[in-house]
Amino acid sequence: MVIRIKVNRSEYRAAASNGAVYGKVLSLPIIYVYVELGIEKTYILNPNDDLNTEYRLFIACDIYAASTQEQSDDGDFYAESFDEVVIIYT
């Protein structure tokens, strides 16, 4: 499964293989996540992608989910998922 995570511009720029980012999954409800990034791979645009949005693809990522931004900042996660494929975008 591929998980798309919206990150702010500074998180996007700083993202690197084996690094980490904070972001959110825009579902209902919004899920705040901390992601330990795996290896970056080349992202190939999908016909449904917004051409005004930047995308990056990482494999073998570990994701930690929280209900609120504050819980995420405090490391209070209710779920975790390992070895996921993640697309970050801004």
PDB file of N, CA and C in Angstrom:
ATOM      1  N   MET A   1       0.845  -1.168   0.000  1.00  0.00           N
ATOM      2  CA  MET A   1       0.000   0.000   0.000  1.00  0.00           C
ATOM      3  C   MET A   1       0.900   1.245   0.000  1.00  0.00           C
ATOM      4  N   VAL A   2       0.510   2.252  -0.743  1.00  0.00           N
ATOM      5  CA  VAL A   2       1.234   3.513  -0.811  1.00  0.00           C
ATOM      6  C   VAL A   2       0.474   4.542   0.016  1.00  0.00           C
ATOM      7  N   ILE A   3       1.180   5.217   0.904  1.00  0.00           N
ATOM      8  CA  ILE A   3       0.556   6.204   1.775  1.00  0.00           C
ATOM      9  C   ILE A   3       1.066   7.583   1.383  1.00  0.00           C
ATOM     10  N   ARG A   4       0.134   8.486   1.089  1.00  0.00           N
ATOM     11  CA  ARG A   4       0.480   9.859   0.708  1.00  0.00           C
ATOM     12  C   ARG A   4       0.418  10.744   1.938  1.00  0.00           C
ATOM     13  N   ILE A   5       1.497  11.479   2.173  1.00  0.00           N
ATOM     14  CA  ILE A   5       1.610  12.306   3.372  1.00  0.00           C
ATOM     15  C   ILE A   5       1.938  13.736   2.968  1.00  0.00           C
ATOM     16  N   LYS A   6       1.078  14.662   3.398  1.00  0.00           N
ATOM     17  CA  LYS A   6       1.303  16.084   3.133  1.00  0.00           C
ATOM     18  C   LYS A   6       2.257  16.621   4.190  1.00  0.00           C
ATOM     19  N   VAL A   7       3.310  17.291   3.727  1.00  0.00           N
ATOM     20  CA  VAL A   7       4.301  17.884   4.626  1.00  0.00           C
ATOM     21  C   VAL A   7       4.465  19.355   4.257  1.00  0.00           C
ATOM     22  N   ASN A   8       4.968  20.134   5.205  1.00  0.00           N
ATOM     23  CA  ASN A   8       5.211  21.541   4.874  1.00  0.00           C
ATOM     24  C   ASN A   8       6.491  21.648   4.045  1.00  0.00           C
ATOM     25  N   ARG A   9       6.709  22.811   3.483  1.00  0.00           N
ATOM     26  CA  ARG A   9       7.826  23.025   2.565  1.00  0.00           C
ATOM     27  C   ARG A   9       9.181  22.703   3.200  1.00  0.00           C
ATOM     28  N   SER A  10       9.393  23.122   4.457  1.00  0.00           N
ATOM     29  CA  SER A  10      10.701  22.868   5.087  1.00  0.00           C
ATOM     30  C   SER A  10      10.930  21.377   5.332  1.00  0.00           C
ATOM     31  N   GLU A  11       9.885  20.648   5.738  1.00  0.00           N
ATOM     32  CA  GLU A  11      10.007  19.192   5.911  1.00  0.00           C
ATOM     33  C   GLU A  11      10.322  18.540   4.564  1.00  0.00           C
ATOM     34  N   TYR A  12       9.652  19.011   3.515  1.00  0.00           N
ATOM     35  CA  TYR A  12       9.853  18.453   2.179  1.00  0.00           C
ATOM     36  C   TYR A  12      11.307  18.629   1.729  1.00  0.00           C
ATOM     37  N   ARG A  13      11.809  19.842   1.892  1.00  0.00           N
ATOM     38  CA  ARG A  13      13.192  20.129   1.473  1.00  0.00           C
ATOM     39  C   ARG A  13      14.209  19.334   2.283  1.00  0.00           C
ATOM     40  N   ALA A  14      13.947  19.152   3.573  1.00  0.00           N
ATOM     41  CA  ALA A  14      14.901  18.472   4.450  1.00  0.00           C
ATOM     42  C   ALA A  14      14.822  16.944   4.349  1.00  0.00           C
ATOM     43  N   ALA A  15      13.767  16.423   3.758  1.00  0.00           N
ATOM     44  CA  ALA A  15      13.592  14.968   3.673  1.00  0.00           C
ATOM     45  C   ALA A  15      14.747  14.326   2.920  1.00  0.00           C
ATOM     46  N   ALA A  16      15.230  13.217   3.476  1.00  0.00           N
ATOM     47  CA  ALA A  16      16.334  12.486   2.853  1.00  0.00           C
ATOM     48  C   ALA A  16      16.230  11.016   3.224  1.00  0.00           C
ATOM     49  N   SER A  17      16.860  10.168   2.443  1.00  0.00           N
ATOM     50  CA  SER A  17      16.889   8.747   2.768  1.00  0.00           C
ATOM     51  C   SER A  17      17.373   8.559   4.198  1.00  0.00           C
ATOM     52  N   ASN A  18      16.670   7.709   4.932  1.00  0.00           N
ATOM     53  CA  ASN A  18      16.965   7.380   6.322  1.00  0.00           C
ATOM     54  C   ASN A  18      16.799   8.568   7.272  1.00  0.00           C
ATOM     55  N   GLY A  19      16.097   9.600   6.822  1.00  0.00           N
ATOM     56  CA  GLY A  19      15.757  10.739   7.672  1.00  0.00           C
ATOM     57  C   GLY A  19      14.353  10.556   8.239  1.00  0.00           C
ATOM     58  N   ALA A  20      13.722  11.668   8.611  1.00  0.00           N
ATOM     59  CA  ALA A  20      12.378  11.608   9.167  1.00  0.00           C
ATOM     60  C   ALA A  20      11.627  12.895   8.847  1.00  0.00           C
ATOM     61  N   VAL A  21      10.295  12.806   8.801  1.00  0.00           N
ATOM     62  CA  VAL A  21       9.440  13.969   8.585  1.00  0.00           C
ATOM     63  C   VAL A  21       8.194  13.858   9.452  1.00  0.00           C
ATOM     64  N   TYR A  22       7.609  15.011   9.738  1.00  0.00           N
ATOM     65  CA  TYR A  22       6.279  15.092  10.333  1.00  0.00           C
ATOM     66  C   TYR A  22       5.331  15.547   9.242  1.00  0.00           C
ATOM     67  N   GLY A  23       4.113  15.027   9.237  1.00  0.00           N
ATOM     68  CA  GLY A  23       3.128  15.440   8.243  1.00  0.00           C
ATOM     69  C   GLY A  23       1.756  14.953   8.634  1.00  0.00           C
ATOM     70  N   LYS A  24       0.858  14.927   7.657  1.00  0.00           N
ATOM     71  CA  LYS A  24      -0.488  14.436   7.931  1.00  0.00           C
ATOM     72  C   LYS A  24      -1.059  13.719   6.719  1.00  0.00           C
ATOM     73  N   VAL A  25      -1.883  12.738   7.026  1.00  0.00           N
ATOM     74  CA  VAL A  25      -2.621  12.016   6.008  1.00  0.00           C
ATOM     75  C   VAL A  25      -3.981  12.693   5.947  1.00  0.00           C
ATOM     76  N   LEU A  26      -4.314  13.222   4.774  1.00  0.00           N
ATOM     77  CA  LEU A  26      -5.550  13.988   4.645  1.00  0.00           C
ATOM     78  C   LEU A  26      -6.725  13.053   4.383  1.00  0.00           C
ATOM     79  N   SER A  27      -7.149  12.388   5.427  1.00  0.00           N
ATOM     80  CA  SER A  27      -8.318  11.522   5.390  1.00  0.00           C
ATOM     81  C   SER A  27      -9.325  12.122   6.358  1.00  0.00           C
ATOM     82  N   LEU A  28     -10.434  11.490   6.526  1.00  0.00           N
ATOM     83  CA  LEU A  28     -11.404  11.928   7.537  1.00  0.00           C
ATOM     84  C   LEU A  28     -11.443  10.873   8.612  1.00  0.00           C
ATOM     85  N   PRO A  29     -10.984  11.121   9.810  1.00  0.00           N
ATOM     86  CA  PRO A  29     -10.359  12.366  10.262  1.00  0.00           C
ATOM     87  C   PRO A  29      -8.905  12.442   9.794  1.00  0.00           C
ATOM     88  N   ILE A  30      -8.326  13.638   9.883  1.00  0.00           N
ATOM     89  CA  ILE A  30      -6.918  13.831   9.545  1.00  0.00           C
ATOM     90  C   ILE A  30      -6.067  13.052  10.539  1.00  0.00           C
ATOM     91  N   ILE A  31      -5.039  12.384  10.039  1.00  0.00           N
ATOM     92  CA  ILE A  31      -4.129  11.623  10.881  1.00  0.00           C
ATOM     93  C   ILE A  31      -2.766  12.319  10.850  1.00  0.00           C
ATOM     94  N   TYR A  32      -2.254  12.649  12.012  1.00  0.00           N
ATOM     95  CA  TYR A  32      -0.941  13.287  12.121  1.00  0.00           C
ATOM     96  C   TYR A  32       0.097  12.183  12.257  1.00  0.00           C
ATOM     97  N   VAL A  33       1.178  12.289  11.491  1.00  0.00           N
ATOM     98  CA  VAL A  33       2.153  11.200  11.454  1.00  0.00           C
ATOM     99  C   VAL A  33       3.586  11.693  11.608  1.00  0.00           C
ATOM    100  N   TYR A  34       4.372  10.799  12.163  1.00  0.00           N
ATOM    101  CA  TYR A  34       5.829  10.935  12.177  1.00  0.00           C
ATOM    102  C   TYR A  34       6.324   9.768  11.339  1.00  0.00           C
ATOM    103  N   VAL A  35       7.172  10.040  10.356  1.00  0.00           N
ATOM    104  CA  VAL A  35       7.619   9.008   9.434  1.00  0.00           C
ATOM    105  C   VAL A  35       9.134   8.905   9.452  1.00  0.00           C
ATOM    106  N   GLU A  36       9.630   7.717   9.740  1.00  0.00           N
ATOM    107  CA  GLU A  36      11.049   7.432   9.588  1.00  0.00           C
ATOM    108  C   GLU A  36      11.220   6.941   8.155  1.00  0.00           C
ATOM    109  N   LEU A  37      11.834   7.775   7.345  1.00  0.00           N
ATOM    110  CA  LEU A  37      11.949   7.496   5.920  1.00  0.00           C
ATOM    111  C   LEU A  37      12.965   6.402   5.638  1.00  0.00           C
ATOM    112  N   GLY A  38      12.656   5.628   4.624  1.00  0.00           N
ATOM    113  CA  GLY A  38      13.592   4.615   4.142  1.00  0.00           C
ATOM    114  C   GLY A  38      14.428   5.204   3.018  1.00  0.00           C
ATOM    115  N   ILE A  39      14.527   4.496   1.935  1.00  0.00           N
ATOM    116  CA  ILE A  39      15.352   4.890   0.796  1.00  0.00           C
ATOM    117  C   ILE A  39      14.505   5.653  -0.226  1.00  0.00           C
ATOM    118  N   GLU A  40      15.035   6.782  -0.695  1.00  0.00           N
ATOM    119  CA  GLU A  40      14.315   7.553  -1.709  1.00  0.00           C
ATOM    120  C   GLU A  40      14.511   6.911  -3.078  1.00  0.00           C
ATOM    121  N   LYS A  41      13.411   6.825  -3.811  1.00  0.00           N
ATOM    122  CA  LYS A  41      13.410   6.320  -5.187  1.00  0.00           C
ATOM    123  C   LYS A  41      12.853   7.407  -6.094  1.00  0.00           C
ATOM    124  N   THR A  42      13.039   7.248  -7.380  1.00  0.00           N
ATOM    125  CA  THR A  42      12.515   8.211  -8.342  1.00  0.00           C
ATOM    126  C   THR A  42      10.994   8.130  -8.370  1.00  0.00           C
ATOM    127  N   TYR A  43      10.350   9.294  -8.256  1.00  0.00           N
ATOM    128  CA  TYR A  43       8.889   9.342  -8.335  1.00  0.00           C
ATOM    129  C   TYR A  43       8.488   9.590  -9.779  1.00  0.00           C
ATOM    130  N   ILE A  44       7.585   8.779 -10.286  1.00  0.00           N
ATOM    131  CA  ILE A  44       7.070   8.935 -11.644  1.00  0.00           C
ATOM    132  C   ILE A  44       5.661   9.507 -11.534  1.00  0.00           C
ATOM    133  N   LEU A  45       5.460  10.664 -12.169  1.00  0.00           N
ATOM    134  CA  LEU A  45       4.159  11.326 -12.090  1.00  0.00           C
ATOM    135  C   LEU A  45       3.039  10.426 -12.578  1.00  0.00           C
ATOM    136  N   ASN A  46       1.925  10.497 -11.880  1.00  0.00           N
ATOM    137  CA  ASN A  46       0.699   9.796 -12.201  1.00  0.00           C
ATOM    138  C   ASN A  46      -0.181  10.777 -12.978  1.00  0.00           C
ATOM    139  N   PRO A  47      -0.965  10.333 -13.946  1.00  0.00           N
ATOM    140  CA  PRO A  47      -1.832  11.255 -14.697  1.00  0.00           C
ATOM    141  C   PRO A  47      -2.784  12.060 -13.801  1.00  0.00           C
ATOM    142  N   ASN A  48      -3.107  11.533 -12.613  1.00  0.00           N
ATOM    143  CA  ASN A  48      -4.007  12.244 -11.700  1.00  0.00           C
ATOM    144  C   ASN A  48      -3.285  13.229 -10.788  1.00  0.00           C
ATOM    145  N   ASP A  49      -1.965  13.280 -10.837  1.00  0.00           N
ATOM    146  CA  ASP A  49      -1.196  14.180  -9.978  1.00  0.00           C
ATOM    147  C   ASP A  49      -1.395  15.635 -10.385  1.00  0.00           C
ATOM    148  N   ASP A  50      -1.359  16.499  -9.401  1.00  0.00           N
ATOM    149  CA  ASP A  50      -1.432  17.935  -9.618  1.00  0.00           C
ATOM    150  C   ASP A  50      -0.053  18.407 -10.084  1.00  0.00           C
ATOM    151  N   LEU A  51       0.010  19.041 -11.226  1.00  0.00           N
ATOM    152  CA  LEU A  51       1.298  19.487 -11.770  1.00  0.00           C
ATOM    153  C   LEU A  51       1.911  20.627 -10.960  1.00  0.00           C
ATOM    154  N   ASN A  52       1.128  21.252 -10.078  1.00  0.00           N
ATOM    155  CA  ASN A  52       1.631  22.324  -9.216  1.00  0.00           C
ATOM    156  C   ASN A  52       2.116  21.798  -7.871  1.00  0.00           C
ATOM    157  N   THR A  53       2.118  20.494  -7.695  1.00  0.00           N
ATOM    158  CA  THR A  53       2.527  19.863  -6.444  1.00  0.00           C
ATOM    159  C   THR A  53       3.811  19.083  -6.676  1.00  0.00           C
ATOM    160  N   GLU A  54       4.706  19.107  -5.672  1.00  0.00           N
ATOM    161  CA  GLU A  54       5.948  18.348  -5.751  1.00  0.00           C
ATOM    162  C   GLU A  54       5.781  17.041  -4.975  1.00  0.00           C
ATOM    163  N   TYR A  55       6.338  15.957  -5.503  1.00  0.00           N
ATOM    164  CA  TYR A  55       6.207  14.639  -4.904  1.00  0.00           C
ATOM    165  C   TYR A  55       7.584  13.986  -4.768  1.00  0.00           C
ATOM    166  N   ARG A  56       7.735  13.188  -3.712  1.00  0.00           N
ATOM    167  CA  ARG A  56       8.941  12.367  -3.533  1.00  0.00           C
ATOM    168  C   ARG A  56       8.497  11.012  -2.991  1.00  0.00           C
ATOM    169  N   LEU A  57       9.174   9.952  -3.407  1.00  0.00           N
ATOM    170  CA  LEU A  57       8.822   8.580  -3.056  1.00  0.00           C
ATOM    171  C   LEU A  57       9.908   7.960  -2.186  1.00  0.00           C
ATOM    172  N   PHE A  58       9.487   7.304  -1.104  1.00  0.00           N
ATOM    173  CA  PHE A  58      10.406   6.594  -0.213  1.00  0.00           C
ATOM    174  C   PHE A  58       9.860   5.196   0.044  1.00  0.00           C
ATOM    175  N   ILE A  59      10.757   4.215   0.096  1.00  0.00           N
ATOM    176  CA  ILE A  59      10.350   2.841   0.402  1.00  0.00           C
ATOM    177  C   ILE A  59      10.911   2.445   1.770  1.00  0.00           C
ATOM    178  N   ALA A  60      10.325   1.412   2.350  1.00  0.00           N
ATOM    179  CA  ALA A  60      10.758   0.851   3.634  1.00  0.00           C
ATOM    180  C   ALA A  60      10.676   1.891   4.757  1.00  0.00           C
ATOM    181  N   CYS A  61       9.536   2.571   4.837  1.00  0.00           N
ATOM    182  CA  CYS A  61       9.330   3.611   5.847  1.00  0.00           C
ATOM    183  C   CYS A  61       8.537   3.080   7.034  1.00  0.00           C
ATOM    184  N   ASP A  62       8.801   3.649   8.201  1.00  0.00           N
ATOM    185  CA  ASP A  62       8.039   3.333   9.411  1.00  0.00           C
ATOM    186  C   ASP A  62       7.187   4.546   9.758  1.00  0.00           C
ATOM    187  N   ILE A  63       5.895   4.314   9.977  1.00  0.00           N
ATOM    188  CA  ILE A  63       4.943   5.403  10.203  1.00  0.00           C
ATOM    189  C   ILE A  63       4.331   5.258  11.593  1.00  0.00           C
ATOM    190  N   TYR A  64       4.252   6.384  12.303  1.00  0.00           N
ATOM    191  CA  TYR A  64       3.651   6.443  13.634  1.00  0.00           C
ATOM    192  C   TYR A  64       2.516   7.456  13.578  1.00  0.00           C
ATOM    193  N   ALA A  65       1.306   7.072  13.987  1.00  0.00           N
ATOM    194  CA  ALA A  65       0.110   7.895  13.831  1.00  0.00           C
ATOM    195  C   ALA A  65      -0.413   8.423  15.156  1.00  0.00           C
ATOM    196  N   ALA A  66      -0.906   9.667  15.114  1.00  0.00           N
ATOM    197  CA  ALA A  66      -1.502  10.311  16.282  1.00  0.00           C
ATOM    198  C   ALA A  66      -2.786  11.017  15.848  1.00  0.00           C
ATOM    199  N   SER A  67      -3.661  11.270  16.816  1.00  0.00           N
ATOM    200  CA  SER A  67      -4.936  11.924  16.522  1.00  0.00           C
ATOM    201  C   SER A  67      -4.821  13.435  16.394  1.00  0.00           C
ATOM    202  N   THR A  68      -3.849  14.017  17.085  1.00  0.00           N
ATOM    203  CA  THR A  68      -3.688  15.476  17.058  1.00  0.00           C
ATOM    204  C   THR A  68      -2.226  15.834  16.828  1.00  0.00           C
ATOM    205  N   GLN A  69      -2.013  17.071  16.435  1.00  0.00           N
ATOM    206  CA  GLN A  69      -0.650  17.572  16.246  1.00  0.00           C
ATOM    207  C   GLN A  69       0.125  17.512  17.560  1.00  0.00           C
ATOM    208  N   GLU A  70      -0.540  17.870  18.656  1.00  0.00           N
ATOM    209  CA  GLU A  70       0.118  17.862  19.970  1.00  0.00           C
ATOM    210  C   GLU A  70       0.571  16.458  20.362  1.00  0.00           C
ATOM    211  N   GLN A  71      -0.281  15.465  20.127  1.00  0.00           N
ATOM    212  CA  GLN A  71       0.095  14.086  20.442  1.00  0.00           C
ATOM    213  C   GLN A  71       1.290  13.651  19.600  1.00  0.00           C
ATOM    214  N   SER A  72       1.298  14.038  18.349  1.00  0.00           N
ATOM    215  CA  SER A  72       2.418  13.701  17.467  1.00  0.00           C
ATOM    216  C   SER A  72       3.701  14.354  17.979  1.00  0.00           C
ATOM    217  N   ASP A  73       3.620  15.634  18.339  1.00  0.00           N
ATOM    218  CA  ASP A  73       4.790  16.353  18.854  1.00  0.00           C
ATOM    219  C   ASP A  73       5.325  15.717  20.136  1.00  0.00           C
ATOM    220  N   ASP A  74       4.410  15.167  20.964  1.00  0.00           N
ATOM    221  CA  ASP A  74       4.792  14.546  22.237  1.00  0.00           C
ATOM    222  C   ASP A  74       5.203  13.081  22.094  1.00  0.00           C
ATOM    223  N   GLY A  75       5.076  12.517  20.878  1.00  0.00           N
ATOM    224  CA  GLY A  75       5.415  11.113  20.672  1.00  0.00           C
ATOM    225  C   GLY A  75       4.356  10.167  21.200  1.00  0.00           C
ATOM    226  N   ASP A  76       3.127  10.655  21.350  1.00  0.00           N
ATOM    227  CA  ASP A  76       2.005   9.864  21.873  1.00  0.00           C
ATOM    228  C   ASP A  76       1.230   9.274  20.687  1.00  0.00           C
ATOM    229  N   PHE A  77       1.705   8.164  20.155  1.00  0.00           N
ATOM    230  CA  PHE A  77       1.125   7.565  18.962  1.00  0.00           C
ATOM    231  C   PHE A  77       0.204   6.404  19.320  1.00  0.00           C
ATOM    232  N   TYR A  78      -0.903   6.264  18.568  1.00  0.00           N
ATOM    233  CA  TYR A  78      -1.856   5.185  18.823  1.00  0.00           C
ATOM    234  C   TYR A  78      -1.682   4.014  17.862  1.00  0.00           C
ATOM    235  N   ALA A  79      -0.905   4.219  16.806  1.00  0.00           N
ATOM    236  CA  ALA A  79      -0.706   3.137  15.837  1.00  0.00           C
ATOM    237  C   ALA A  79       0.644   3.302  15.156  1.00  0.00           C
ATOM    238  N   GLU A  80       1.160   2.191  14.689  1.00  0.00           N
ATOM    239  CA  GLU A  80       2.416   2.217  13.941  1.00  0.00           C
ATOM    240  C   GLU A  80       2.333   1.200  12.816  1.00  0.00           C
ATOM    241  N   SER A  81       3.038   1.495  11.748  1.00  0.00           N
ATOM    242  CA  SER A  81       3.070   0.604  10.604  1.00  0.00           C
ATOM    243  C   SER A  81       4.491   0.617  10.056  1.00  0.00           C
ATOM    244  N   PHE A  82       4.995  -0.546   9.704  1.00  0.00           N
ATOM    245  CA  PHE A  82       6.395  -0.658   9.305  1.00  0.00           C
ATOM    246  C   PHE A  82       6.537  -1.124   7.861  1.00  0.00           C
ATOM    247  N   ASP A  83       7.659  -0.744   7.255  1.00  0.00           N
ATOM    248  CA  ASP A  83       8.021  -1.174   5.904  1.00  0.00           C
ATOM    249  C   ASP A  83       6.993  -0.732   4.859  1.00  0.00           C
ATOM    250  N   GLU A  84       6.566   0.524   4.946  1.00  0.00           N
ATOM    251  CA  GLU A  84       5.561   1.074   4.033  1.00  0.00           C
ATOM    252  C   GLU A  84       6.218   1.880   2.913  1.00  0.00           C
ATOM    253  N   VAL A  85       5.491   2.039   1.820  1.00  0.00           N
ATOM    254  CA  VAL A  85       5.893   2.933   0.741  1.00  0.00           C
ATOM    255  C   VAL A  85       5.170   4.252   0.985  1.00  0.00           C
ATOM    256  N   VAL A  86       5.926   5.347   0.956  1.00  0.00           N
ATOM    257  CA  VAL A  86       5.378   6.660   1.288  1.00  0.00           C
ATOM    258  C   VAL A  86       5.686   7.645   0.166  1.00  0.00           C
ATOM    259  N   ILE A  87       4.683   8.436  -0.172  1.00  0.00           N
ATOM    260  CA  ILE A  87       4.883   9.577  -1.066  1.00  0.00           C
ATOM    261  C   ILE A  87       4.653  10.813  -0.219  1.00  0.00           C
ATOM    262  N   ILE A  88       5.670  11.669  -0.137  1.00  0.00           N
ATOM    263  CA  ILE A  88       5.471  12.941   0.549  1.00  0.00           C
ATOM    264  C   ILE A  88       5.220  13.994  -0.537  1.00  0.00           C
ATOM    265  N   TYR A  89       4.397  14.966  -0.181  1.00  0.00           N
ATOM    266  CA  TYR A  89       4.108  16.026  -1.142  1.00  0.00           C
ATOM    267  C   TYR A  89       3.838  17.326  -0.406  1.00  0.00           C
ATOM    268  N   THR A  90       3.982  18.411  -1.152  1.00  0.00           N
ATOM    269  CA  THR A  90       3.735  19.720  -0.595  1.00  0.00           C
ATOM    270  C   THR A  90       3.019  20.600  -1.585  1.00  0.00           C
TER     271      THR A  90
END
